[in-house]
N, C-alpha and C. Protein backbone atom coordinates (compact mmCIF):
# COMPACT_ATOMS: atom_id res chain seq x y z
N MET A 1 119.01 122.00 107.04
CA MET A 1 119.14 120.67 106.39
C MET A 1 117.92 119.84 107.05
N PRO A 2 116.79 119.98 106.56
CA PRO A 2 115.62 118.96 106.32
C PRO A 2 115.89 118.12 107.57
N PRO A 3 114.42 118.07 108.11
CA PRO A 3 114.23 116.73 109.53
C PRO A 3 114.53 115.44 108.83
N ALA A 4 114.78 114.79 109.80
CA ALA A 4 115.31 113.05 109.45
C ALA A 4 113.50 112.72 109.04
N PRO A 5 113.19 111.86 108.03
CA PRO A 5 112.19 111.26 107.89
C PRO A 5 111.00 110.61 109.27
N ASP A 6 111.66 110.12 109.90
CA ASP A 6 110.52 110.19 111.03
C ASP A 6 110.28 111.20 111.62
N VAL A 7 111.14 112.04 111.87
CA VAL A 7 110.50 113.49 112.20
C VAL A 7 109.38 113.85 111.73
N LEU A 8 109.92 113.99 110.31
CA LEU A 8 108.87 114.70 109.24
C LEU A 8 107.61 114.11 109.12
N LEU A 9 107.65 112.75 109.25
CA LEU A 9 106.70 111.86 109.10
C LEU A 9 105.62 112.26 110.18
N ALA A 10 105.73 112.36 111.23
CA ALA A 10 105.46 112.65 112.38
C ALA A 10 104.75 113.81 112.34
N GLU A 11 105.45 115.02 111.73
CA GLU A 11 104.86 116.33 111.62
C GLU A 11 103.80 116.22 110.86
N VAL A 12 103.93 115.35 109.53
CA VAL A 12 102.86 115.34 109.02
C VAL A 12 101.61 114.83 109.47
N ARG A 13 101.69 113.81 109.76
CA ARG A 13 101.00 113.26 110.67
C ARG A 13 100.01 114.19 111.76
N ALA A 14 100.73 114.66 112.56
CA ALA A 14 100.01 116.22 113.53
C ALA A 14 99.37 116.87 112.61
N PHE A 15 100.18 117.29 111.62
CA PHE A 15 99.29 118.50 110.38
C PHE A 15 97.84 118.07 110.28
N LEU A 16 98.04 116.65 109.59
CA LEU A 16 96.60 115.99 108.44
C LEU A 16 96.05 115.95 110.14
N ASP A 17 96.42 115.23 111.36
CA ASP A 17 95.37 115.26 112.15
C ASP A 17 94.69 116.83 112.74
N ARG A 18 95.24 117.91 112.84
CA ARG A 18 95.30 118.81 113.20
C ARG A 18 93.83 119.87 112.13
N VAL A 19 94.59 119.29 110.47
CA VAL A 19 93.26 119.83 109.59
C VAL A 19 91.81 119.23 109.65
N GLU A 20 92.52 118.06 109.90
CA GLU A 20 90.69 116.98 109.96
C GLU A 20 90.18 117.44 111.63
N THR A 21 90.84 117.53 112.56
CA THR A 21 90.08 118.20 113.57
C THR A 21 89.39 119.80 113.37
N LEU A 22 89.82 120.33 112.68
CA LEU A 22 89.55 121.82 112.75
C LEU A 22 88.41 121.96 111.57
N THR A 23 88.50 120.69 110.79
CA THR A 23 87.77 120.88 109.42
C THR A 23 86.13 120.37 109.49
N GLY A 24 86.91 119.24 110.11
CA GLY A 24 85.72 117.98 110.20
C GLY A 24 85.88 117.35 108.75
N ARG A 25 87.18 117.40 107.96
CA ARG A 25 87.12 116.74 106.86
C ARG A 25 88.32 115.70 106.65
N GLU A 26 88.35 114.97 105.79
CA GLU A 26 89.56 114.15 105.79
C GLU A 26 90.38 115.02 105.03
N PRO A 27 91.29 115.06 105.16
CA PRO A 27 92.39 116.03 103.96
C PRO A 27 93.12 114.85 102.94
N VAL A 28 93.28 115.40 101.48
CA VAL A 28 94.28 114.71 100.73
C VAL A 28 95.41 114.82 100.93
N VAL A 29 96.59 113.61 100.91
CA VAL A 29 97.53 114.02 100.72
C VAL A 29 98.13 114.14 99.08
N TYR A 30 99.05 115.10 99.02
CA TYR A 30 99.52 115.09 97.77
C TYR A 30 101.05 114.36 97.18
N LEU A 31 100.95 113.26 96.77
CA LEU A 31 102.31 112.74 96.54
C LEU A 31 102.87 112.95 95.20
N TYR A 32 104.22 113.14 94.98
CA TYR A 32 105.01 113.15 93.50
C TYR A 32 106.48 112.84 94.03
N PRO A 33 106.79 112.00 93.00
CA PRO A 33 107.99 111.18 92.44
C PRO A 33 109.32 111.28 93.10
N GLU A 34 109.97 112.50 93.34
CA GLU A 34 110.64 112.75 93.94
C GLU A 34 110.87 112.94 95.66
N PHE A 35 109.22 113.73 95.88
CA PHE A 35 109.05 113.58 97.76
C PHE A 35 108.87 111.89 97.87
N GLU A 36 108.71 110.91 96.96
CA GLU A 36 108.35 109.58 97.40
C GLU A 36 110.09 108.81 97.09
N ALA A 37 110.92 109.54 96.34
CA ALA A 37 112.13 108.45 96.28
C ALA A 37 112.75 108.82 97.64
N ARG A 38 112.83 110.37 98.16
CA ARG A 38 113.41 110.52 99.43
C ARG A 38 112.89 110.24 100.67
N PHE A 39 111.61 110.51 101.20
CA PHE A 39 110.71 109.40 102.24
C PHE A 39 110.24 108.68 102.00
N GLY A 40 109.42 108.02 100.66
CA GLY A 40 108.95 107.03 100.44
C GLY A 40 107.41 107.09 101.59
N PHE A 41 106.36 107.66 101.98
CA PHE A 41 105.60 107.76 102.93
C PHE A 41 104.45 107.45 102.31
N ALA A 42 103.93 107.26 100.92
CA ALA A 42 102.84 107.00 100.56
C ALA A 42 102.30 105.77 101.40
N ASP A 43 103.14 104.70 101.76
CA ASP A 43 102.62 103.43 102.40
C ASP A 43 101.93 103.64 103.72
N ASP A 44 102.58 104.96 104.62
CA ASP A 44 102.58 105.18 105.81
C ASP A 44 101.77 106.02 105.83
N LEU A 45 100.91 106.53 105.05
CA LEU A 45 99.68 107.88 104.46
C LEU A 45 98.66 106.92 104.25
N ARG A 46 98.69 105.51 103.81
CA ARG A 46 97.56 105.05 102.88
C ARG A 46 96.13 105.26 103.62
N ALA A 47 96.35 105.57 104.74
CA ALA A 47 94.54 105.87 105.39
C ALA A 47 93.88 107.01 104.47
N TYR A 48 94.64 107.89 104.32
CA TYR A 48 94.27 109.52 103.60
C TYR A 48 93.90 108.83 102.09
N ARG A 49 93.08 109.61 101.49
CA ARG A 49 93.07 109.85 99.93
C ARG A 49 94.36 110.41 99.67
N GLN A 50 95.09 109.66 98.32
CA GLN A 50 95.87 110.33 97.86
C GLN A 50 96.12 110.57 96.56
N TRP A 51 96.19 111.57 96.32
CA TRP A 51 96.49 112.52 94.71
C TRP A 51 97.82 112.64 94.73
N VAL A 52 98.35 111.69 93.58
CA VAL A 52 99.25 111.28 93.09
C VAL A 52 99.37 111.63 91.74
N ARG A 53 100.99 112.62 92.01
CA ARG A 53 101.38 112.74 90.29
C ARG A 53 102.43 111.69 90.14
N SER A 54 101.95 111.21 88.80
CA SER A 54 102.70 110.42 87.86
C SER A 54 102.48 110.58 86.59
N LEU A 55 103.40 111.08 85.43
CA LEU A 55 103.40 111.48 84.18
C LEU A 55 103.75 110.38 83.31
N ASP A 56 104.36 109.48 83.97
CA ASP A 56 104.55 107.86 83.00
C ASP A 56 103.21 107.09 83.10
N GLY A 57 102.22 107.66 83.37
CA GLY A 57 100.84 106.62 83.46
C GLY A 57 100.46 106.46 84.48
N PRO A 58 99.59 105.45 84.99
CA PRO A 58 98.61 105.64 86.01
C PRO A 58 99.79 105.33 87.54
N PRO A 59 99.30 105.58 88.65
CA PRO A 59 100.41 104.79 89.48
C PRO A 59 100.14 103.39 89.69
N ASP A 60 100.90 103.18 90.26
CA ASP A 60 100.95 101.54 90.63
C ASP A 60 100.46 100.82 92.11
N ARG A 61 99.88 102.03 92.59
CA ARG A 61 99.55 101.51 93.82
C ARG A 61 98.06 102.57 93.83
N ALA A 62 97.33 102.24 95.09
CA ALA A 62 95.95 103.34 95.14
C ALA A 62 96.03 104.80 95.41
N TRP A 63 95.17 105.07 94.79
CA TRP A 63 94.89 106.53 94.58
C TRP A 63 93.64 107.21 94.47
N TRP A 64 93.40 108.24 95.09
CA TRP A 64 92.63 109.01 94.68
C TRP A 64 92.04 109.63 93.67
N MET A 65 93.09 110.42 93.03
CA MET A 65 93.49 111.84 92.62
C MET A 65 94.29 111.53 91.78
N TRP A 66 95.18 111.25 90.30
CA TRP A 66 96.03 110.90 89.89
C TRP A 66 96.52 112.56 88.94
N GLN A 67 97.57 112.63 89.14
CA GLN A 67 97.81 113.73 88.24
C GLN A 67 98.73 113.39 87.12
N GLN A 68 98.27 113.19 85.68
CA GLN A 68 98.95 112.64 84.99
C GLN A 68 99.77 113.22 83.53
N THR A 69 99.72 114.93 84.16
CA THR A 69 100.57 115.53 83.03
C THR A 69 100.46 117.33 83.97
N ASP A 70 101.85 117.46 83.80
CA ASP A 70 101.63 119.21 84.21
C ASP A 70 101.75 120.15 82.74
N SER A 71 101.37 119.48 81.56
CA SER A 71 101.60 120.49 80.06
C SER A 71 100.26 120.07 79.82
N GLY A 72 99.22 120.15 79.66
CA GLY A 72 97.76 120.06 79.58
C GLY A 72 97.92 121.37 78.65
N SER A 73 96.47 121.60 78.23
CA SER A 73 96.06 123.07 77.81
C SER A 73 94.31 122.92 78.04
N VAL A 74 94.21 124.01 78.55
CA VAL A 74 92.97 124.55 78.56
C VAL A 74 92.35 125.65 78.16
N ALA A 75 91.06 125.87 77.13
CA ALA A 75 90.93 126.70 76.21
C ALA A 75 90.61 128.06 77.31
N GLY A 76 91.34 129.08 77.04
CA GLY A 76 91.01 130.67 77.59
C GLY A 76 91.80 130.72 78.71
N ILE A 77 92.90 129.46 79.13
CA ILE A 77 94.30 130.07 79.86
C ILE A 77 95.40 129.56 79.20
N ALA A 78 96.57 130.65 79.58
CA ALA A 78 97.92 130.77 78.80
C ALA A 78 98.55 129.90 79.30
N GLY A 79 99.64 129.08 78.59
CA GLY A 79 100.51 128.30 79.48
C GLY A 79 100.09 126.94 80.03
N PRO A 80 100.69 126.04 80.26
CA PRO A 80 100.11 124.67 80.75
C PRO A 80 99.59 124.24 82.15
N VAL A 81 99.00 123.41 81.93
CA VAL A 81 98.16 123.55 83.35
C VAL A 81 98.38 122.22 83.21
N ASP A 82 98.24 121.73 85.04
CA ASP A 82 97.87 120.44 84.84
C ASP A 82 96.87 119.91 84.96
N VAL A 83 96.66 118.63 84.70
CA VAL A 83 95.56 117.47 84.14
C VAL A 83 95.22 116.56 85.24
N ASN A 84 94.21 116.19 85.70
CA ASN A 84 94.27 115.25 86.95
C ASN A 84 92.82 114.39 86.50
N VAL A 85 92.50 113.06 86.75
CA VAL A 85 91.84 112.24 86.70
C VAL A 85 91.74 111.55 88.48
N ALA A 86 90.03 111.94 88.44
CA ALA A 86 89.66 111.20 89.79
C ALA A 86 89.46 109.79 89.55
N ARG A 87 88.96 109.16 90.56
CA ARG A 87 88.67 107.88 90.66
C ARG A 87 87.30 107.87 91.47
N LEU A 88 86.31 107.40 90.99
CA LEU A 88 84.94 107.42 91.61
C LEU A 88 85.26 106.33 92.64
N PRO A 89 84.25 106.55 93.76
CA PRO A 89 84.17 105.50 94.27
C PRO A 89 83.37 104.26 93.64
N GLU A 90 83.78 103.04 94.33
CA GLU A 90 83.16 101.93 93.56
C GLU A 90 82.18 101.03 94.08
C-alpha cells in the first residue's frame, strides 16, 4: 500500500532537499497527469522548476519544461521518443 499523500510529500521534500544539499543545484520536479490526479503536489512543489507531461496541449500552470508528446521521432533512433519544450528565462 502506498504512503498517505502527506507522508509521501514529506518524503519527496526530504529527497529534494538532500539532492540540492549534495549537488548544490536546484532539482527539477517531473510531474505527470496520473500522479497529479492521485496526489496533487504541483502547488506544494511550486518552488521548484517543474517538468510537466501534458500531451493534450501546454500545461495550464507554470512550467519550466513541457513534455508535449511521447510519440515523437528523431532520425537515427528506432521507435518513439519524448519531445519536450523548454521555457527560456524571461
